[in-house]
Full PDB file with SEQRES, HELIX, SHEET, SSBOND, CRYST1, ORIGX, SCALE, CONECT and MASTER records, all heavy atoms in Angstrom:
SEQRES   1 A   37  GLU GLU LEU GLY ILE TRP LEU PHE VAL ASP VAL LEU SER          
SEQRES   2 A   37  PHE GLY GLU ARG ALA PHE THR ILE PHE GLY PHE THR ILE          
SEQRES   3 A   37  THR GLY GLN MET VAL ALA LYS VAL PHE LEU ALA                  
HELIX    1 AA1 GLU A    2  TRP A    6  1                                   5    
HELIX    2 AA2 LEU A    7  VAL A   11  3                                   5    
HELIX    3 AA3 PHE A   14  GLU A   16  5                                   3    
HELIX    4 AA4 GLY A   28  LEU A   36  1                                   9    
SHEET    1 AA1 2 ALA A  18  ILE A  21  0                                        
SHEET    2 AA1 2 PHE A  24  THR A  27 -1                                        
CRYST1    1.000    1.000    1.000  90.00  90.00  90.00 P 1           1          
ORIGX1      1.000000  0.000000  0.000000        0.00000                         
ORIGX2      0.000000  1.000000  0.000000        0.00000                         
ORIGX3      0.000000  0.000000  1.000000        0.00000                         
SCALE1      1.000000  0.000000  0.000000        0.00000                         
SCALE2      0.000000  1.000000  0.000000        0.00000                         
SCALE3      0.000000  0.000000  1.000000        0.00000                         
ATOM      1  N   GLU A   1       3.956   6.250   5.536  1.00  0.00           N  
ATOM      2  CA  GLU A   1       3.421   5.972   4.199  1.00  0.00           C  
ATOM      3  C   GLU A   1       1.915   6.132   4.171  1.00  0.00           C  
ATOM      4  O   GLU A   1       1.339   6.760   3.223  1.00  0.00           O  
ATOM      5  CB  GLU A   1       3.770   4.537   3.767  1.00  0.00           C  
ATOM      6  CG  GLU A   1       3.350   4.229   2.362  1.00  0.00           C  
ATOM      7  CD  GLU A   1       3.704   2.829   1.920  1.00  0.00           C  
ATOM      8  OE1 GLU A   1       3.950   1.936   2.780  1.00  0.00           O  
ATOM      9  OE2 GLU A   1       3.706   2.622   0.710  1.00  0.00           O  
ATOM     10  N   GLU A   2       1.185   5.649   5.128  1.00  0.00           N  
ATOM     11  CA  GLU A   2      -0.297   5.769   5.163  1.00  0.00           C  
ATOM     12  C   GLU A   2      -0.703   7.254   5.205  1.00  0.00           C  
ATOM     13  O   GLU A   2      -1.578   7.670   4.441  1.00  0.00           O  
ATOM     14  CB  GLU A   2      -0.888   5.049   6.353  1.00  0.00           C  
ATOM     15  CG  GLU A   2      -0.966   3.547   6.234  1.00  0.00           C  
ATOM     16  CD  GLU A   2      -2.140   3.063   5.383  1.00  0.00           C  
ATOM     17  OE1 GLU A   2      -3.239   2.860   5.897  1.00  0.00           O  
ATOM     18  OE2 GLU A   2      -1.923   2.884   4.186  1.00  0.00           O  
ATOM     19  N   LEU A   3      -0.033   8.012   6.058  1.00  0.00           N  
ATOM     20  CA  LEU A   3      -0.339   9.433   6.161  1.00  0.00           C  
ATOM     21  C   LEU A   3      -0.006  10.134   4.822  1.00  0.00           C  
ATOM     22  O   LEU A   3      -0.811  10.935   4.319  1.00  0.00           O  
ATOM     23  CB  LEU A   3       0.484  10.088   7.279  1.00  0.00           C  
ATOM     24  CG  LEU A   3       0.321  11.589   7.454  1.00  0.00           C  
ATOM     25  CD1 LEU A   3      -1.129  11.928   7.808  1.00  0.00           C  
ATOM     26  CD2 LEU A   3       1.274  12.119   8.508  1.00  0.00           C  
ATOM     27  N   GLY A   4       1.113   9.780   4.242  1.00  0.00           N  
ATOM     28  CA  GLY A   4       1.492  10.348   2.963  1.00  0.00           C  
ATOM     29  C   GLY A   4       0.545  10.003   1.830  1.00  0.00           C  
ATOM     30  O   GLY A   4       0.154  10.886   1.045  1.00  0.00           O  
ATOM     31  N   ILE A   5       0.126   8.773   1.760  1.00  0.00           N  
ATOM     32  CA  ILE A   5      -0.868   8.367   0.733  1.00  0.00           C  
ATOM     33  C   ILE A   5      -2.187   9.096   0.941  1.00  0.00           C  
ATOM     34  O   ILE A   5      -2.773   9.595  -0.014  1.00  0.00           O  
ATOM     35  CB  ILE A   5      -1.055   6.819   0.690  1.00  0.00           C  
ATOM     36  CG1 ILE A   5       0.176   6.137   0.146  1.00  0.00           C  
ATOM     37  CG2 ILE A   5      -2.285   6.440  -0.108  1.00  0.00           C  
ATOM     38  CD1 ILE A   5       0.121   4.655   0.157  1.00  0.00           C  
ATOM     39  N   TRP A   6      -2.614   9.181   2.170  1.00  0.00           N  
ATOM     40  CA  TRP A   6      -3.841   9.889   2.447  1.00  0.00           C  
ATOM     41  C   TRP A   6      -3.741  11.352   2.013  1.00  0.00           C  
ATOM     42  O   TRP A   6      -4.640  11.894   1.362  1.00  0.00           O  
ATOM     43  CB  TRP A   6      -4.173   9.769   3.958  1.00  0.00           C  
ATOM     44  CG  TRP A   6      -5.358  10.642   4.344  1.00  0.00           C  
ATOM     45  CD1 TRP A   6      -6.681  10.393   4.086  1.00  0.00           C  
ATOM     46  CD2 TRP A   6      -5.303  11.925   4.949  1.00  0.00           C  
ATOM     47  NE1 TRP A   6      -7.451  11.435   4.554  1.00  0.00           N  
ATOM     48  CE2 TRP A   6      -6.643  12.385   5.092  1.00  0.00           C  
ATOM     49  CE3 TRP A   6      -4.275  12.734   5.391  1.00  0.00           C  
ATOM     50  CZ2 TRP A   6      -6.926  13.598   5.660  1.00  0.00           C  
ATOM     51  CZ3 TRP A   6      -4.573  13.951   5.987  1.00  0.00           C  
ATOM     52  CH2 TRP A   6      -5.907  14.380   6.118  1.00  0.00           C  
ATOM     53  N   LEU A   7      -2.599  11.992   2.353  1.00  0.00           N  
ATOM     54  CA  LEU A   7      -2.399  13.395   1.949  1.00  0.00           C  
ATOM     55  C   LEU A   7      -2.429  13.540   0.405  1.00  0.00           C  
ATOM     56  O   LEU A   7      -3.064  14.425  -0.128  1.00  0.00           O  
ATOM     57  CB  LEU A   7      -1.089  13.929   2.509  1.00  0.00           C  
ATOM     58  CG  LEU A   7      -1.078  14.235   3.996  1.00  0.00           C  
ATOM     59  CD1 LEU A   7       0.338  14.546   4.490  1.00  0.00           C  
ATOM     60  CD2 LEU A   7      -1.982  15.411   4.314  1.00  0.00           C  
ATOM     61  N   PHE A   8      -1.688  12.664  -0.267  1.00  0.00           N  
ATOM     62  CA  PHE A   8      -1.640  12.749  -1.730  1.00  0.00           C  
ATOM     63  C   PHE A   8      -2.978  12.484  -2.357  1.00  0.00           C  
ATOM     64  O   PHE A   8      -3.430  13.196  -3.236  1.00  0.00           O  
ATOM     65  CB  PHE A   8      -0.600  11.763  -2.294  1.00  0.00           C  
ATOM     66  CG  PHE A   8       0.787  12.266  -2.306  1.00  0.00           C  
ATOM     67  CD1 PHE A   8       1.705  11.826  -1.372  1.00  0.00           C  
ATOM     68  CD2 PHE A   8       1.212  13.188  -3.244  1.00  0.00           C  
ATOM     69  CE1 PHE A   8       3.009  12.261  -1.384  1.00  0.00           C  
ATOM     70  CE2 PHE A   8       2.501  13.649  -3.276  1.00  0.00           C  
ATOM     71  CZ  PHE A   8       3.418  13.216  -2.336  1.00  0.00           C  
ATOM     72  N   VAL A   9      -3.666  11.437  -1.880  1.00  0.00           N  
ATOM     73  CA  VAL A   9      -4.932  11.021  -2.536  1.00  0.00           C  
ATOM     74  C   VAL A   9      -6.092  11.912  -2.163  1.00  0.00           C  
ATOM     75  O   VAL A   9      -6.807  12.417  -3.021  1.00  0.00           O  
ATOM     76  CB  VAL A   9      -5.240   9.547  -2.231  1.00  0.00           C  
ATOM     77  CG1 VAL A   9      -6.628   9.158  -2.730  1.00  0.00           C  
ATOM     78  CG2 VAL A   9      -4.160   8.628  -2.834  1.00  0.00           C  
ATOM     79  N   ASP A  10      -6.310  12.106  -0.862  1.00  0.00           N  
ATOM     80  CA  ASP A  10      -7.473  12.845  -0.430  1.00  0.00           C  
ATOM     81  C   ASP A  10      -7.269  14.392  -0.363  1.00  0.00           C  
ATOM     82  O   ASP A  10      -8.156  15.133  -0.702  1.00  0.00           O  
ATOM     83  CB  ASP A  10      -7.967  12.358   0.929  1.00  0.00           C  
ATOM     84  CG  ASP A  10      -8.630  10.989   0.847  1.00  0.00           C  
ATOM     85  OD1 ASP A  10      -9.032  10.586  -0.284  1.00  0.00           O  
ATOM     86  OD2 ASP A  10      -8.728  10.315   1.884  1.00  0.00           O  
ATOM     87  N   VAL A  11      -6.133  14.808   0.095  1.00  0.00           N  
ATOM     88  CA  VAL A  11      -5.956  16.226   0.267  1.00  0.00           C  
ATOM     89  C   VAL A  11      -5.449  16.916  -1.037  1.00  0.00           C  
ATOM     90  O   VAL A  11      -5.961  17.919  -1.452  1.00  0.00           O  
ATOM     91  CB  VAL A  11      -4.915  16.514   1.423  1.00  0.00           C  
ATOM     92  CG1 VAL A  11      -4.611  17.998   1.539  1.00  0.00           C  
ATOM     93  CG2 VAL A  11      -5.461  15.946   2.749  1.00  0.00           C  
ATOM     94  N   LEU A  12      -4.502  16.253  -1.710  1.00  0.00           N  
ATOM     95  CA  LEU A  12      -3.958  16.829  -2.937  1.00  0.00           C  
ATOM     96  C   LEU A  12      -4.639  16.283  -4.210  1.00  0.00           C  
ATOM     97  O   LEU A  12      -4.217  16.629  -5.312  1.00  0.00           O  
ATOM     98  CB  LEU A  12      -2.438  16.551  -3.006  1.00  0.00           C  
ATOM     99  CG  LEU A  12      -1.647  17.160  -1.868  1.00  0.00           C  
ATOM    100  CD1 LEU A  12      -0.159  16.744  -1.962  1.00  0.00           C  
ATOM    101  CD2 LEU A  12      -1.760  18.700  -1.840  1.00  0.00           C  
ATOM    102  N   SER A  13      -5.639  15.434  -4.036  1.00  0.00           N  
ATOM    103  CA  SER A  13      -6.463  14.903  -5.121  1.00  0.00           C  
ATOM    104  C   SER A  13      -5.708  14.094  -6.180  1.00  0.00           C  
ATOM    105  O   SER A  13      -6.106  14.059  -7.340  1.00  0.00           O  
ATOM    106  CB  SER A  13      -7.226  16.055  -5.813  1.00  0.00           C  
ATOM    107  OG  SER A  13      -8.040  16.728  -4.923  1.00  0.00           O  
ATOM    108  N   PHE A  14      -4.638  13.418  -5.775  1.00  0.00           N  
ATOM    109  CA  PHE A  14      -3.910  12.558  -6.709  1.00  0.00           C  
ATOM    110  C   PHE A  14      -4.765  11.371  -7.148  1.00  0.00           C  
ATOM    111  O   PHE A  14      -4.538  10.838  -8.214  1.00  0.00           O  
ATOM    112  CB  PHE A  14      -2.624  12.015  -6.065  1.00  0.00           C  
ATOM    113  CG  PHE A  14      -1.416  12.867  -6.315  1.00  0.00           C  
ATOM    114  CD1 PHE A  14      -1.411  14.188  -6.019  1.00  0.00           C  
ATOM    115  CD2 PHE A  14      -0.265  12.284  -6.829  1.00  0.00           C  
ATOM    116  CE1 PHE A  14      -0.286  14.983  -6.224  1.00  0.00           C  
ATOM    117  CE2 PHE A  14       0.873  13.040  -7.056  1.00  0.00           C  
ATOM    118  CZ  PHE A  14       0.853  14.411  -6.758  1.00  0.00           C  
ATOM    119  N   GLY A  15      -5.707  10.999  -6.304  1.00  0.00           N  
ATOM    120  CA  GLY A  15      -6.591   9.875  -6.637  1.00  0.00           C  
ATOM    121  C   GLY A  15      -7.449  10.105  -7.875  1.00  0.00           C  
ATOM    122  O   GLY A  15      -7.872   9.163  -8.519  1.00  0.00           O  
ATOM    123  N   GLU A  16      -7.622  11.344  -8.223  1.00  0.00           N  
ATOM    124  CA  GLU A  16      -8.394  11.687  -9.416  1.00  0.00           C  
ATOM    125  C   GLU A  16      -7.573  11.683 -10.693  1.00  0.00           C  
ATOM    126  O   GLU A  16      -8.107  11.832 -11.770  1.00  0.00           O  
ATOM    127  CB  GLU A  16      -9.049  13.070  -9.224  1.00  0.00           C  
ATOM    128  CG  GLU A  16      -9.980  13.122  -8.032  1.00  0.00           C  
ATOM    129  CD  GLU A  16     -10.381  14.538  -7.684  1.00  0.00           C  
ATOM    130  OE1 GLU A  16     -10.053  15.461  -8.422  1.00  0.00           O  
ATOM    131  OE2 GLU A  16     -11.039  14.694  -6.614  1.00  0.00           O  
ATOM    132  N   ARG A  17      -6.269  11.516 -10.549  1.00  0.00           N  
ATOM    133  CA  ARG A  17      -5.380  11.560 -11.694  1.00  0.00           C  
ATOM    134  C   ARG A  17      -4.941  10.162 -12.097  1.00  0.00           C  
ATOM    135  O   ARG A  17      -4.771   9.278 -11.265  1.00  0.00           O  
ATOM    136  CB  ARG A  17      -4.166  12.425 -11.375  1.00  0.00           C  
ATOM    137  CG  ARG A  17      -4.507  13.896 -11.162  1.00  0.00           C  
ATOM    138  CD  ARG A  17      -3.309  14.669 -10.654  1.00  0.00           C  
ATOM    139  NE  ARG A  17      -3.532  16.096 -10.531  1.00  0.00           N  
ATOM    140  CZ  ARG A  17      -4.193  16.639  -9.533  1.00  0.00           C  
ATOM    141  NH1 ARG A  17      -4.702  15.937  -8.585  1.00  0.00           N  
ATOM    142  NH2 ARG A  17      -4.333  17.981  -9.522  1.00  0.00           N  
ATOM    143  N   ALA A  18      -4.676  10.030 -13.389  1.00  0.00           N  
ATOM    144  CA  ALA A  18      -4.125   8.775 -13.925  1.00  0.00           C  
ATOM    145  C   ALA A  18      -3.533   9.070 -15.284  1.00  0.00           C  
ATOM    146  O   ALA A  18      -3.944   9.983 -15.965  1.00  0.00           O  
ATOM    147  CB  ALA A  18      -5.202   7.719 -14.029  1.00  0.00           C  
ATOM    148  N   PHE A  19      -2.548   8.286 -15.638  1.00  0.00           N  
ATOM    149  CA  PHE A  19      -1.948   8.430 -16.978  1.00  0.00           C  
ATOM    150  C   PHE A  19      -1.518   7.044 -17.447  1.00  0.00           C  
ATOM    151  O   PHE A  19      -1.406   6.119 -16.672  1.00  0.00           O  
ATOM    152  CB  PHE A  19      -0.802   9.454 -17.005  1.00  0.00           C  
ATOM    153  CG  PHE A  19       0.298   9.158 -16.068  1.00  0.00           C  
ATOM    154  CD1 PHE A  19       1.437   8.433 -16.479  1.00  0.00           C  
ATOM    155  CD2 PHE A  19       0.260   9.590 -14.741  1.00  0.00           C  
ATOM    156  CE1 PHE A  19       2.463   8.142 -15.597  1.00  0.00           C  
ATOM    157  CE2 PHE A  19       1.298   9.329 -13.869  1.00  0.00           C  
ATOM    158  CZ  PHE A  19       2.396   8.601 -14.277  1.00  0.00           C  
ATOM    159  N   THR A  20      -1.328   6.951 -18.780  1.00  0.00           N  
ATOM    160  CA  THR A  20      -1.037   5.678 -19.386  1.00  0.00           C  
ATOM    161  C   THR A  20       0.368   5.722 -20.030  1.00  0.00           C  
ATOM    162  O   THR A  20       0.682   6.657 -20.750  1.00  0.00           O  
ATOM    163  CB  THR A  20      -2.084   5.328 -20.456  1.00  0.00           C  
ATOM    164  OG1 THR A  20      -3.362   5.367 -19.854  1.00  0.00           O  
ATOM    165  CG2 THR A  20      -1.836   3.953 -21.047  1.00  0.00           C  
ATOM    166  N   ILE A  21       1.152   4.725 -19.711  1.00  0.00           N  
ATOM    167  CA  ILE A  21       2.496   4.556 -20.304  1.00  0.00           C  
ATOM    168  C   ILE A  21       2.558   3.126 -20.845  1.00  0.00           C  
ATOM    169  O   ILE A  21       2.355   2.172 -20.111  1.00  0.00           O  
ATOM    170  CB  ILE A  21       3.606   4.771 -19.278  1.00  0.00           C  
ATOM    171  CG1 ILE A  21       3.558   6.167 -18.706  1.00  0.00           C  
ATOM    172  CG2 ILE A  21       4.975   4.479 -19.891  1.00  0.00           C  
ATOM    173  CD1 ILE A  21       4.587   6.461 -17.645  1.00  0.00           C  
ATOM    174  N   PHE A  22       2.899   3.017 -22.122  1.00  0.00           N  
ATOM    175  CA  PHE A  22       3.049   1.715 -22.757  1.00  0.00           C  
ATOM    176  C   PHE A  22       1.826   0.799 -22.547  1.00  0.00           C  
ATOM    177  O   PHE A  22       1.959  -0.383 -22.322  1.00  0.00           O  
ATOM    178  CB  PHE A  22       4.328   1.006 -22.318  1.00  0.00           C  
ATOM    179  CG  PHE A  22       5.566   1.797 -22.548  1.00  0.00           C  
ATOM    180  CD1 PHE A  22       6.313   2.191 -21.455  1.00  0.00           C  
ATOM    181  CD2 PHE A  22       5.981   2.160 -23.799  1.00  0.00           C  
ATOM    182  CE1 PHE A  22       7.508   2.934 -21.654  1.00  0.00           C  
ATOM    183  CE2 PHE A  22       7.120   2.883 -24.013  1.00  0.00           C  
ATOM    184  CZ  PHE A  22       7.893   3.292 -22.925  1.00  0.00           C  
ATOM    185  N   GLY A  23       0.655   1.401 -22.518  1.00  0.00           N  
ATOM    186  CA  GLY A  23      -0.570   0.633 -22.380  1.00  0.00           C  
ATOM    187  C   GLY A  23      -0.960   0.324 -20.926  1.00  0.00           C  
ATOM    188  O   GLY A  23      -1.976  -0.288 -20.668  1.00  0.00           O  
ATOM    189  N   PHE A  24      -0.146   0.744 -19.979  1.00  0.00           N  
ATOM    190  CA  PHE A  24      -0.437   0.529 -18.552  1.00  0.00           C  
ATOM    191  C   PHE A  24      -0.971   1.847 -17.954  1.00  0.00           C  
ATOM    192  O   PHE A  24      -0.317   2.871 -18.075  1.00  0.00           O  
ATOM    193  CB  PHE A  24       0.792   0.074 -17.786  1.00  0.00           C  
ATOM    194  CG  PHE A  24       1.289  -1.275 -18.180  1.00  0.00           C  
ATOM    195  CD1 PHE A  24       2.365  -1.418 -19.019  1.00  0.00           C  
ATOM    196  CD2 PHE A  24       0.680  -2.407 -17.670  1.00  0.00           C  
ATOM    197  CE1 PHE A  24       2.857  -2.664 -19.382  1.00  0.00           C  
ATOM    198  CE2 PHE A  24       1.124  -3.679 -18.037  1.00  0.00           C  
ATOM    199  CZ  PHE A  24       2.188  -3.815 -18.876  1.00  0.00           C  
ATOM    200  N   THR A  25      -2.067   1.744 -17.243  1.00  0.00           N  
ATOM    201  CA  THR A  25      -2.624   2.940 -16.572  1.00  0.00           C  
ATOM    202  C   THR A  25      -1.995   3.001 -15.188  1.00  0.00           C  
ATOM    203  O   THR A  25      -2.037   2.039 -14.423  1.00  0.00           O  
ATOM    204  CB  THR A  25      -4.142   2.854 -16.479  1.00  0.00           C  
ATOM    205  OG1 THR A  25      -4.657   2.775 -17.802  1.00  0.00           O  
ATOM    206  CG2 THR A  25      -4.707   4.032 -15.757  1.00  0.00           C  
ATOM    207  N   ILE A  26      -1.454   4.137 -14.887  1.00  0.00           N  
ATOM    208  CA  ILE A  26      -0.834   4.387 -13.598  1.00  0.00           C  
ATOM    209  C   ILE A  26      -1.686   5.415 -12.852  1.00  0.00           C  
ATOM    210  O   ILE A  26      -1.843   6.542 -13.338  1.00  0.00           O  
ATOM    211  CB  ILE A  26       0.617   4.842 -13.718  1.00  0.00           C  
ATOM    212  CG1 ILE A  26       1.451   3.799 -14.480  1.00  0.00           C  
ATOM    213  CG2 ILE A  26       1.206   5.171 -12.371  1.00  0.00           C  
ATOM    214  CD1 ILE A  26       2.845   4.202 -14.786  1.00  0.00           C  
ATOM    215  N   THR A  27      -2.216   5.005 -11.710  1.00  0.00           N  
ATOM    216  CA  THR A  27      -3.104   5.880 -10.959  1.00  0.00           C  
ATOM    217  C   THR A  27      -2.301   6.836 -10.067  1.00  0.00           C  
ATOM    218  O   THR A  27      -1.119   6.624  -9.808  1.00  0.00           O  
ATOM    219  CB  THR A  27      -4.028   5.058 -10.049  1.00  0.00           C  
ATOM    220  OG1 THR A  27      -3.249   4.391  -9.051  1.00  0.00           O  
ATOM    221  CG2 THR A  27      -4.866   4.063 -10.842  1.00  0.00           C  
ATOM    222  N   GLY A  28      -2.989   7.864  -9.615  1.00  0.00           N  
ATOM    223  CA  GLY A  28      -2.364   8.816  -8.688  1.00  0.00           C  
ATOM    224  C   GLY A  28      -1.966   8.129  -7.380  1.00  0.00           C  
ATOM    225  O   GLY A  28      -0.983   8.517  -6.771  1.00  0.00           O  
ATOM    226  N   GLN A  29      -2.715   7.122  -7.005  1.00  0.00           N  
ATOM    227  CA  GLN A  29      -2.374   6.367  -5.791  1.00  0.00           C  
ATOM    228  C   GLN A  29      -1.008   5.696  -5.990  1.00  0.00           C  
ATOM    229  O   GLN A  29      -0.189   5.691  -5.049  1.00  0.00           O  
ATOM    230  CB  GLN A  29      -3.413   5.299  -5.475  1.00  0.00           C  
ATOM    231  CG  GLN A  29      -4.754   5.880  -5.127  1.00  0.00           C  
ATOM    232  CD  GLN A  29      -5.841   4.839  -5.005  1.00  0.00           C  
ATOM    233  OE1 GLN A  29      -5.604   3.644  -5.228  1.00  0.00           O  
ATOM    234  NE2 GLN A  29      -7.032   5.270  -4.680  1.00  0.00           N  
ATOM    235  N   MET A  30      -0.761   5.113  -7.133  1.00  0.00           N  
ATOM    236  CA  MET A  30       0.491   4.442  -7.397  1.00  0.00           C  
ATOM    237  C   MET A  30       1.659   5.443  -7.485  1.00  0.00           C  
ATOM    238  O   MET A  30       2.730   5.180  -7.006  1.00  0.00           O  
ATOM    239  CB  MET A  30       0.415   3.581  -8.654  1.00  0.00           C  
ATOM    240  CG  MET A  30       1.511   2.580  -8.793  1.00  0.00           C  
ATOM    241  SD  MET A  30       1.685   1.440  -7.368  1.00  0.00           S  
ATOM    242  CE  MET A  30       0.471   0.202  -7.790  1.00  0.00           C  
ATOM    243  N   VAL A  31       1.406   6.612  -8.054  1.00  0.00           N  
ATOM    244  CA  VAL A  31       2.429   7.668  -8.098  1.00  0.00           C  
ATOM    245  C   VAL A  31       2.810   8.042  -6.670  1.00  0.00           C  
ATOM    246  O   VAL A  31       4.007   8.173  -6.360  1.00  0.00           O  
ATOM    247  CB  VAL A  31       1.930   8.892  -8.914  1.00  0.00           C  
ATOM    248  CG1 VAL A  31       2.930  10.053  -8.758  1.00  0.00           C  
ATOM    249  CG2 VAL A  31       1.723   8.535 -10.333  1.00  0.00           C  
ATOM    250  N   ALA A  32       1.838   8.212  -5.817  1.00  0.00           N  
ATOM    251  CA  ALA A  32       2.089   8.540  -4.405  1.00  0.00           C  
ATOM    252  C   ALA A  32       2.898   7.425  -3.744  1.00  0.00           C  
ATOM    253  O   ALA A  32       3.839   7.688  -2.991  1.00  0.00           O  
ATOM    254  CB  ALA A  32       0.758   8.753  -3.678  1.00  0.00           C  
ATOM    255  N   LYS A  33       2.553   6.160  -3.996  1.00  0.00           N  
ATOM    256  CA  LYS A  33       3.280   5.022  -3.400  1.00  0.00           C  
ATOM    257  C   LYS A  33       4.748   5.013  -3.858  1.00  0.00           C  
ATOM    258  O   LYS A  33       5.645   4.758  -3.068  1.00  0.00           O  
ATOM    259  CB  LYS A  33       2.633   3.681  -3.774  1.00  0.00           C  
ATOM    260  CG  LYS A  33       1.493   3.350  -2.832  1.00  0.00           C  
ATOM    261  CD  LYS A  33       1.037   1.925  -2.990  1.00  0.00           C  
ATOM    262  CE  LYS A  33       1.997   0.872  -2.532  1.00  0.00           C  
ATOM    263  NZ  LYS A  33       2.270   0.816  -1.086  1.00  0.00           N  
ATOM    264  N   VAL A  34       4.988   5.347  -5.125  1.00  0.00           N  
ATOM    265  CA  VAL A  34       6.376   5.338  -5.637  1.00  0.00           C  
ATOM    266  C   VAL A  34       7.174   6.429  -4.926  1.00  0.00           C  
ATOM    267  O   VAL A  34       8.279   6.183  -4.446  1.00  0.00           O  
ATOM    268  CB  VAL A  34       6.403   5.563  -7.177  1.00  0.00           C  
ATOM    269  CG1 VAL A  34       7.779   5.859  -7.671  1.00  0.00           C  
ATOM    270  CG2 VAL A  34       5.821   4.360  -7.882  1.00  0.00           C  
ATOM    271  N   PHE A  35       6.621   7.619  -4.836  1.00  0.00           N  
ATOM    272  CA  PHE A  35       7.297   8.723  -4.172  1.00  0.00           C  
ATOM    273  C   PHE A  35       7.608   8.385  -2.698  1.00  0.00           C  
ATOM    274  O   PHE A  35       8.719   8.541  -2.210  1.00  0.00           O  
ATOM    275  CB  PHE A  35       6.463  10.003  -4.265  1.00  0.00           C  
ATOM    276  CG  PHE A  35       7.021  11.144  -3.489  1.00  0.00           C  
ATOM    277  CD1 PHE A  35       8.112  11.857  -3.971  1.00  0.00           C  
ATOM    278  CD2 PHE A  35       6.451  11.532  -2.293  1.00  0.00           C  
ATOM    279  CE1 PHE A  35       8.656  12.921  -3.243  1.00  0.00           C  
ATOM    280  CE2 PHE A  35       6.982  12.561  -1.549  1.00  0.00           C  
ATOM    281  CZ  PHE A  35       8.081  13.263  -2.016  1.00  0.00           C  
ATOM    282  N   LEU A  36       6.598   7.866  -2.019  1.00  0.00           N  
ATOM    283  CA  LEU A  36       6.756   7.533  -0.600  1.00  0.00           C  
ATOM    284  C   LEU A  36       7.651   6.323  -0.413  1.00  0.00           C  
ATOM    285  O   LEU A  36       8.268   6.216   0.647  1.00  0.00           O  
ATOM    286  CB  LEU A  36       5.382   7.320   0.017  1.00  0.00           C  
ATOM    287  CG  LEU A  36       4.541   8.597   0.145  1.00  0.00           C  
ATOM    288  CD1 LEU A  36       3.071   8.278   0.353  1.00  0.00           C  
ATOM    289  CD2 LEU A  36       5.103   9.496   1.238  1.00  0.00           C  
ATOM    290  N   ALA A  37       7.688   5.425  -1.358  1.00  0.00           N  
ATOM    291  CA  ALA A  37       8.563   4.232  -1.227  1.00  0.00           C  
ATOM    292  C   ALA A  37      10.037   4.647  -1.075  1.00  0.00           C  
ATOM    293  O   ALA A  37      10.764   4.024  -0.295  1.00  0.00           O  
ATOM    294  CB  ALA A  37       8.409   3.340  -2.436  1.00  0.00           C  
TER     295      ALA A  37                                                      
MASTER        0    0    0    4    2    0    0    6  294    1    0    3          
END                                                                             
């Protein structure tokens, strides 16, 4: 999981992305955590 999050956030730049659903902001870090979970 740590390796995957690092790859998504730092290598694939998911950390720079975010979107809002029903007023909640979901960061790229959280998207990576869901996938890796």
